Amino acid sequence: MTGGRGDPGLLDRMVRSSLGWLDEARGFFRLPPNVTTDADPNLTLKPLGELAELTQLIGVLHPRDEIRQAARGLFAFAWNETRDGELFAELIHGEPFATYPVELYGTFAQAGLRHADADALVQTTTRLRGWRVAREDHTRTLNVLNAERRLGLRQHADFASVLALTGLGRLPEPWTLDRKSVYGVTHDVFHLTDWGRNRQRLSPEFAGYLRLWLPSWLDTWLEEEMWDLVGELLAVTACLPAAPFDPVAWQRLATAQAADGSVPEIGAAPSSGDPAEAFLACYHSTLVTAFAATLARIACDEAEAGPVAGDPALVGGRTPCESENAP
């Protein structure tokens, strides 16, 4: 990996193409009538929530106005699918101990979109004893804590203490990490930095570990053509102070992107011609590509402008985790 400005033109084309494909795929993000009863949330709510999380960020942070506008259109579509938040009131009422409705609602709450009944319910359910039990998936717990912060709730656990139990927090020997473990580390970074919005939360120790081992992990998963994981690793790279730019990895990912803007999760896209199959095989990796390219584009602009004196986001300084500042 190299430092420097990178390739803004390439990155902008990748984001634009990705958002174009996602816009054409809106029909597959639409929620079915049984979304609150027996529909599989992994095939309905999860894709919509991921669309909302990443397009909200792109719609705010990308430096090009036409790209921000395209992302905002997709984010507005996602909010509309929740019936302006009424969906979250129904989900929380039906599953008071489930975390996913609160996590999804937090994505919209961060953008200032609220629903009165959902707010009233979440104020009650997150104070229940059953809500505060320890969860085995510490990375997922970080996301729950962030959702609580976004909703203005007291966090049910200390963020730094939970982070210490995660893959990133333990700084494991890098050769011991399998695909699932690497995904865990990328999401630890995303939850710690609020998806790259607050990179100053990445401590010098974590940044040094990642800077040392990201090139090896990228080489491994590029060889396997795991484009979804490659995209997540490139997004993590863009979160580093004075973020390096890997032109080879970015060109490989750009080559994997089809003419229609889609990026397959692994290898090549399905050849069956089934649009639903193509959506499931490509939607997440296409979102990740747009997200990673946005963060890398921001890093490009920062590299050109030079670091801002005293800005911890650019010099790698540490600021407290959320719960350290909680009242």
Protein backbone atom coordinates (compact mmCIF):
# COMPACT_ATOMS: atom_id res chain seq x y z
CA MET A 1 0.00 0.00 0.00
CA THR A 2 1.12 3.52 -0.69
CA GLY A 3 0.31 6.88 0.73
CA GLY A 4 -0.77 9.74 -1.47
CA ARG A 5 -3.83 11.01 -3.22
CA GLY A 6 -5.09 7.80 -4.75
CA ASP A 7 -7.43 7.87 -7.74
CA PRO A 8 -10.50 10.07 -7.13
CA GLY A 9 -11.84 9.51 -10.64
CA LEU A 10 -11.84 5.74 -10.25
CA LEU A 11 -13.39 5.94 -6.79
CA ASP A 12 -16.16 8.30 -7.93
CA ARG A 13 -17.02 6.04 -10.87
CA MET A 14 -17.25 3.05 -8.56
CA VAL A 15 -19.57 4.82 -6.12
CA ARG A 16 -21.73 6.21 -8.92
CA SER A 17 -22.04 2.83 -10.63
CA SER A 18 -22.82 1.04 -7.37
CA LEU A 19 -25.56 3.49 -6.45
CA GLY A 20 -27.01 3.21 -9.94
CA TRP A 21 -27.34 -0.56 -9.61
CA LEU A 22 -28.80 -0.24 -6.11
CA ASP A 23 -31.35 2.26 -7.36
CA GLU A 24 -32.42 -0.13 -10.11
CA ALA A 25 -32.72 -2.87 -7.45
CA ARG A 26 -35.14 -0.92 -5.22
CA GLY A 27 -37.86 -3.48 -5.78
CA PHE A 28 -35.82 -6.16 -4.04
CA PHE A 29 -35.34 -3.95 -0.98
CA ARG A 30 -39.09 -3.42 -0.56
CA LEU A 31 -40.53 -4.99 2.56
CA PRO A 32 -43.23 -7.68 2.20
CA PRO A 33 -46.60 -7.39 3.94
CA ASN A 34 -45.60 -10.08 6.47
CA VAL A 35 -42.39 -8.33 7.52
CA THR A 36 -43.52 -8.10 11.17
CA THR A 37 -44.77 -11.67 11.41
CA ASP A 38 -43.16 -14.62 9.65
CA ALA A 39 -40.85 -13.04 7.04
CA ASP A 40 -37.14 -13.81 7.41
CA PRO A 41 -35.52 -10.60 8.74
CA ASN A 42 -32.19 -11.61 7.17
CA LEU A 43 -33.81 -11.40 3.74
CA THR A 44 -36.02 -8.36 4.36
CA LEU A 45 -35.05 -6.02 7.20
CA LYS A 46 -31.32 -6.68 7.08
CA PRO A 47 -30.83 -5.60 3.44
CA LEU A 48 -32.98 -2.50 3.98
CA GLY A 49 -31.08 -1.60 7.15
CA GLU A 50 -27.73 -1.98 5.42
CA LEU A 51 -28.96 0.18 2.55
CA ALA A 52 -30.02 2.85 5.03
CA GLU A 53 -26.82 2.77 7.10
CA LEU A 54 -24.43 3.19 4.19
CA THR A 55 -26.45 5.51 1.95
CA GLN A 56 -27.01 7.85 4.88
CA LEU A 57 -23.26 8.14 5.31
CA ILE A 58 -22.59 8.58 1.58
CA GLY A 59 -25.39 11.13 1.33
CA VAL A 60 -23.73 13.28 3.97
CA LEU A 61 -19.99 12.77 3.47
CA HIS A 62 -19.26 12.19 -0.20
CA PRO A 63 -17.61 15.29 -1.74
CA ARG A 64 -19.59 15.17 -5.02
CA ASP A 65 -23.08 16.64 -4.90
CA GLU A 66 -24.66 14.36 -7.52
CA ILE A 67 -23.46 11.30 -5.63
CA ARG A 68 -24.79 12.68 -2.34
CA GLN A 69 -28.16 13.30 -3.96
CA ALA A 70 -28.33 9.76 -5.37
CA ALA A 71 -27.52 8.31 -1.95
CA ARG A 72 -30.08 10.53 -0.23
CA GLY A 73 -32.74 9.29 -2.61
CA LEU A 74 -32.04 5.70 -1.58
CA PHE A 75 -32.01 6.64 2.10
CA ALA A 76 -35.39 8.38 1.74
CA PHE A 77 -36.73 5.28 0.00
CA ALA A 78 -35.57 3.13 2.94
CA TRP A 79 -37.31 5.41 5.46
CA ASN A 80 -40.47 5.31 3.40
CA GLU A 81 -40.39 1.49 3.54
CA THR A 82 -40.57 1.72 7.35
CA ARG A 83 -43.80 3.74 6.99
CA ASP A 84 -42.04 6.73 8.52
CA GLY A 85 -40.95 4.67 11.50
CA GLU A 86 -44.25 2.99 12.35
CA LEU A 87 -42.60 -0.34 11.49
CA PHE A 88 -40.21 0.03 14.43
CA ALA A 89 -43.03 0.55 16.91
CA GLU A 90 -44.62 -2.68 15.67
CA LEU A 91 -41.36 -4.64 15.80
CA ILE A 92 -40.37 -3.43 19.27
CA HIS A 93 -43.88 -4.10 20.60
CA GLY A 94 -43.81 -7.63 19.22
CA GLU A 95 -40.24 -8.48 20.27
CA PRO A 96 -39.30 -6.29 23.25
CA PHE A 97 -35.97 -8.06 23.86
CA ALA A 98 -34.87 -8.24 20.22
CA THR A 99 -32.00 -5.91 19.39
CA TYR A 100 -32.42 -5.68 15.63
CA PRO A 101 -35.42 -3.29 15.64
CA VAL A 102 -33.49 -0.91 17.90
CA GLU A 103 -30.35 -1.20 15.78
CA LEU A 104 -32.32 -0.46 12.61
CA TYR A 105 -34.22 2.41 14.19
CA GLY A 106 -30.95 3.92 15.40
CA THR A 107 -29.77 4.27 11.81
CA PHE A 108 -32.67 6.58 11.01
CA ALA A 109 -32.61 8.34 14.38
CA GLN A 110 -29.05 9.43 13.66
CA ALA A 111 -30.44 11.33 10.67
CA GLY A 112 -33.12 12.96 12.82
CA LEU A 113 -35.97 10.68 11.72
CA ARG A 114 -38.06 9.61 14.70
CA HIS A 115 -41.43 8.01 15.49
CA ALA A 116 -43.15 8.93 18.76
CA ASP A 117 -44.55 5.47 19.55
CA ALA A 118 -41.24 3.76 18.74
CA ASP A 119 -39.44 6.24 21.01
CA ALA A 120 -41.83 5.57 23.88
CA LEU A 121 -41.47 1.80 23.52
CA VAL A 122 -37.70 1.79 23.24
CA GLN A 123 -37.42 3.95 26.36
CA THR A 124 -39.23 1.16 28.23
CA THR A 125 -37.78 -1.99 26.66
CA THR A 126 -34.14 -0.92 26.97
CA ARG A 127 -34.61 -0.45 30.72
CA LEU A 128 -35.88 -3.99 31.25
CA ARG A 129 -33.62 -6.44 33.09
CA GLY A 130 -33.77 -8.81 30.14
CA TRP A 131 -32.30 -6.16 27.84
CA ARG A 132 -29.16 -5.79 29.95
CA VAL A 133 -28.02 -9.39 29.90
CA ALA A 134 -24.58 -10.06 28.46
CA ARG A 135 -24.54 -11.11 24.80
CA GLU A 136 -22.12 -13.66 23.39
CA ASP A 137 -21.41 -11.70 20.19
CA HIS A 138 -19.36 -8.77 21.47
CA THR A 139 -19.10 -7.19 18.03
CA ARG A 140 -22.89 -7.16 17.77
CA THR A 141 -23.06 -5.65 21.25
CA LEU A 142 -20.99 -2.71 20.00
CA ASN A 143 -23.66 -2.08 17.38
CA VAL A 144 -26.40 -2.22 20.03
CA LEU A 145 -24.48 0.28 22.17
CA ASN A 146 -24.14 2.59 19.18
CA ALA A 147 -27.87 2.31 18.52
CA GLU A 148 -28.56 3.29 22.11
CA ARG A 149 -26.28 6.30 21.71
CA ARG A 150 -27.96 7.33 18.46
CA LEU A 151 -31.35 7.15 20.16
CA GLY A 152 -30.18 9.22 23.12
CA LEU A 153 -30.42 6.29 25.55
CA ARG A 154 -28.03 5.36 28.33
CA GLN A 155 -25.82 2.55 27.08
CA HIS A 156 -26.46 -0.74 28.85
CA ALA A 157 -22.74 -1.64 29.02
CA ASP A 158 -19.40 0.12 28.87
CA PHE A 159 -18.30 0.46 25.24
CA ALA A 160 -14.56 0.20 25.93
CA SER A 161 -15.00 -2.90 28.09
CA VAL A 162 -16.99 -4.67 25.39
CA LEU A 163 -14.51 -3.58 22.70
CA ALA A 164 -11.71 -5.22 24.68
CA LEU A 165 -13.48 -8.59 24.27
CA THR A 166 -13.76 -8.37 20.48
CA GLY A 167 -11.40 -9.63 17.81
CA LEU A 168 -9.94 -6.16 17.35
CA GLY A 169 -9.73 -5.55 21.07
CA ARG A 170 -7.70 -8.71 21.65
CA LEU A 171 -5.26 -7.93 18.80
CA PRO A 172 -5.02 -11.61 17.80
CA GLU A 173 -2.11 -13.12 15.94
CA PRO A 174 -3.01 -12.17 12.36
CA TRP A 175 -2.36 -15.61 10.87
CA THR A 176 -5.02 -17.14 13.12
CA LEU A 177 -7.90 -15.21 11.56
CA ASP A 178 -10.27 -17.03 9.24
CA ARG A 179 -12.86 -15.32 7.06
CA LYS A 180 -15.43 -14.99 9.85
CA SER A 181 -12.83 -13.55 12.21
CA VAL A 182 -11.67 -10.97 9.67
CA TYR A 183 -15.28 -9.89 9.10
CA GLY A 184 -15.54 -9.50 12.87
CA VAL A 185 -12.48 -7.23 12.96
CA THR A 186 -13.79 -5.05 10.13
CA HIS A 187 -17.08 -4.58 11.96
CA ASP A 188 -15.28 -3.83 15.22
CA VAL A 189 -13.61 -0.97 13.36
CA PHE A 190 -16.89 0.20 11.82
CA HIS A 191 -18.70 0.22 15.17
CA LEU A 192 -15.78 1.89 16.95
CA THR A 193 -15.47 4.65 14.34
CA ASP A 194 -19.21 4.94 13.61
CA TRP A 195 -18.64 3.64 10.08
CA GLY A 196 -15.69 5.94 9.50
CA ARG A 197 -17.38 9.13 10.71
CA ASN A 198 -15.16 9.33 13.82
CA ARG A 199 -11.82 7.82 12.94
CA GLN A 200 -10.19 9.47 15.94
CA ARG A 201 -11.68 6.66 18.05
CA LEU A 202 -9.19 4.26 16.44
CA SER A 203 -6.36 4.23 18.96
CA PRO A 204 -2.71 4.33 17.81
CA GLU A 205 -2.34 0.71 18.97
CA PHE A 206 -5.26 -0.49 16.86
CA ALA A 207 -4.20 1.66 13.89
CA GLY A 208 -0.67 0.30 14.01
CA TYR A 209 -1.87 -3.30 14.14
CA LEU A 210 -4.21 -2.78 11.20
CA ARG A 211 -1.68 -0.85 9.13
CA LEU A 212 0.79 -3.71 9.54
CA TRP A 213 -1.54 -6.58 8.68
CA LEU A 214 -4.15 -5.21 6.28
CA PRO A 215 -1.90 -5.70 3.21
CA SER A 216 -1.52 -9.41 3.96
CA TRP A 217 -5.23 -9.88 4.60
CA LEU A 218 -6.05 -8.04 1.38
CA ASP A 219 -3.67 -10.23 -0.63
CA THR A 220 -5.30 -13.36 0.80
CA TRP A 221 -8.88 -12.39 0.05
CA LEU A 222 -8.05 -10.88 -3.34
CA GLU A 223 -6.60 -14.24 -4.28
CA GLU A 224 -9.87 -15.88 -3.18
CA GLU A 225 -11.89 -13.22 -5.06
CA MET A 226 -13.87 -12.46 -1.93
CA TRP A 227 -14.93 -9.05 -3.19
CA ASP A 228 -17.26 -8.32 -0.28
CA LEU A 229 -14.49 -8.84 2.27
CA VAL A 230 -11.98 -7.00 0.08
CA GLY A 231 -14.33 -4.02 0.09
CA GLU A 232 -14.65 -4.10 3.87
CA LEU A 233 -10.87 -4.29 4.28
CA LEU A 234 -10.43 -1.32 1.94
CA ALA A 235 -12.99 0.60 4.00
CA VAL A 236 -11.00 -0.19 7.15
CA THR A 237 -7.83 0.95 5.40
CA ALA A 238 -9.51 4.29 4.65
CA CYS A 239 -10.20 4.70 8.39
CA LEU A 240 -6.50 4.72 9.24
CA PRO A 241 -4.68 7.98 10.01
CA ALA A 242 -3.03 9.27 6.82
CA ALA A 243 -4.86 6.43 5.11
CA PRO A 244 -2.76 4.50 2.60
CA PHE A 245 -4.11 3.75 -0.87
CA ASP A 246 -3.65 0.35 -2.49
CA PRO A 247 -3.95 0.92 -6.25
CA VAL A 248 -3.69 -2.78 -7.08
CA ALA A 249 -6.50 -3.78 -4.71
CA TRP A 250 -8.73 -0.95 -5.90
CA GLN A 251 -8.14 -1.81 -9.54
CA ARG A 252 -8.93 -5.47 -8.86
CA LEU A 253 -12.20 -4.50 -7.15
CA ALA A 254 -13.05 -2.10 -10.00
CA THR A 255 -12.47 -4.92 -12.49
CA ALA A 256 -14.83 -7.16 -10.50
CA GLN A 257 -17.57 -4.52 -10.78
CA ALA A 258 -19.86 -5.33 -13.70
CA ALA A 259 -20.92 -2.82 -16.33
CA ASP A 260 -24.27 -2.41 -14.56
CA GLY A 261 -22.51 -1.41 -11.32
CA SER A 262 -23.04 -4.64 -9.38
CA VAL A 263 -20.22 -6.31 -7.47
CA PRO A 264 -20.53 -10.03 -6.69
CA GLU A 265 -19.85 -11.15 -3.15
CA ILE A 266 -17.43 -13.79 -4.37
CA GLY A 267 -16.02 -14.68 -7.78
CA ALA A 268 -18.35 -13.89 -10.67
CA ALA A 269 -22.01 -12.93 -10.54
CA PRO A 270 -24.58 -15.73 -11.05
CA SER A 271 -25.17 -16.57 -14.70
CA SER A 272 -28.69 -17.96 -14.27
CA GLY A 273 -30.35 -14.73 -15.33
CA ASP A 274 -32.54 -14.77 -12.20
CA PRO A 275 -32.74 -11.16 -10.92
CA ALA A 276 -33.57 -12.26 -7.36
CA GLU A 277 -30.55 -14.55 -7.26
CA ALA A 278 -28.34 -11.78 -8.64
CA PHE A 279 -29.63 -9.37 -5.99
CA LEU A 280 -28.79 -11.68 -3.10
CA ALA A 281 -25.37 -12.42 -4.60
CA CYS A 282 -24.48 -8.77 -5.16
CA TYR A 283 -26.40 -6.30 -3.02
CA HIS A 284 -24.15 -6.32 0.05
CA SER A 285 -20.85 -6.26 -1.81
CA THR A 286 -22.16 -3.47 -4.05
CA LEU A 287 -23.14 -1.43 -0.99
CA VAL A 288 -19.76 -2.10 0.59
CA THR A 289 -17.99 -0.99 -2.59
CA ALA A 290 -19.85 2.33 -2.56
CA PHE A 291 -19.10 2.77 1.15
CA ALA A 292 -15.41 1.89 0.90
CA ALA A 293 -14.89 4.07 -2.16
CA THR A 294 -16.56 6.99 -0.35
CA LEU A 295 -14.23 6.69 2.64
CA ALA A 296 -11.21 6.33 0.33
CA ARG A 297 -12.36 9.38 -1.65
CA ILE A 298 -12.52 11.42 1.55
CA ALA A 299 -9.02 10.21 2.43
CA CYS A 300 -7.84 11.29 -1.05
CA ASP A 301 -9.07 14.82 -0.46
CA GLU A 302 -7.43 14.92 2.96
CA ALA A 303 -4.13 13.73 1.50
CA GLU A 304 -4.24 16.50 -1.07
CA ALA A 305 -5.13 19.17 1.47
CA GLY A 306 -2.67 17.92 4.11
CA PRO A 307 -3.45 17.14 7.75
CA VAL A 308 -5.25 19.74 9.79
CA ALA A 309 -3.20 20.70 12.84
CA GLY A 310 -4.71 19.35 16.03
CA ASP A 311 -7.34 17.23 14.31
CA PRO A 312 -7.14 13.84 16.05
CA ALA A 313 -9.00 12.20 13.18
CA LEU A 314 -6.01 12.88 10.96
CA VAL A 315 -3.13 12.36 13.35
CA GLY A 316 -4.41 9.19 15.02
CA GLY A 317 -4.97 10.56 18.49
CA ARG A 318 -7.37 8.86 20.87
CA THR A 319 -10.66 10.27 22.08
CA PRO A 320 -12.93 8.60 24.62
CA CYS A 321 -15.36 5.92 23.55
CA GLU A 322 -19.01 6.82 23.85
CA SER A 323 -19.71 5.31 27.25
CA GLU A 324 -16.70 7.02 28.80
CA ASN A 325 -18.54 10.30 28.40
CA ALA A 326 -21.95 9.01 29.43
CA PRO A 327 -23.56 10.83 32.33
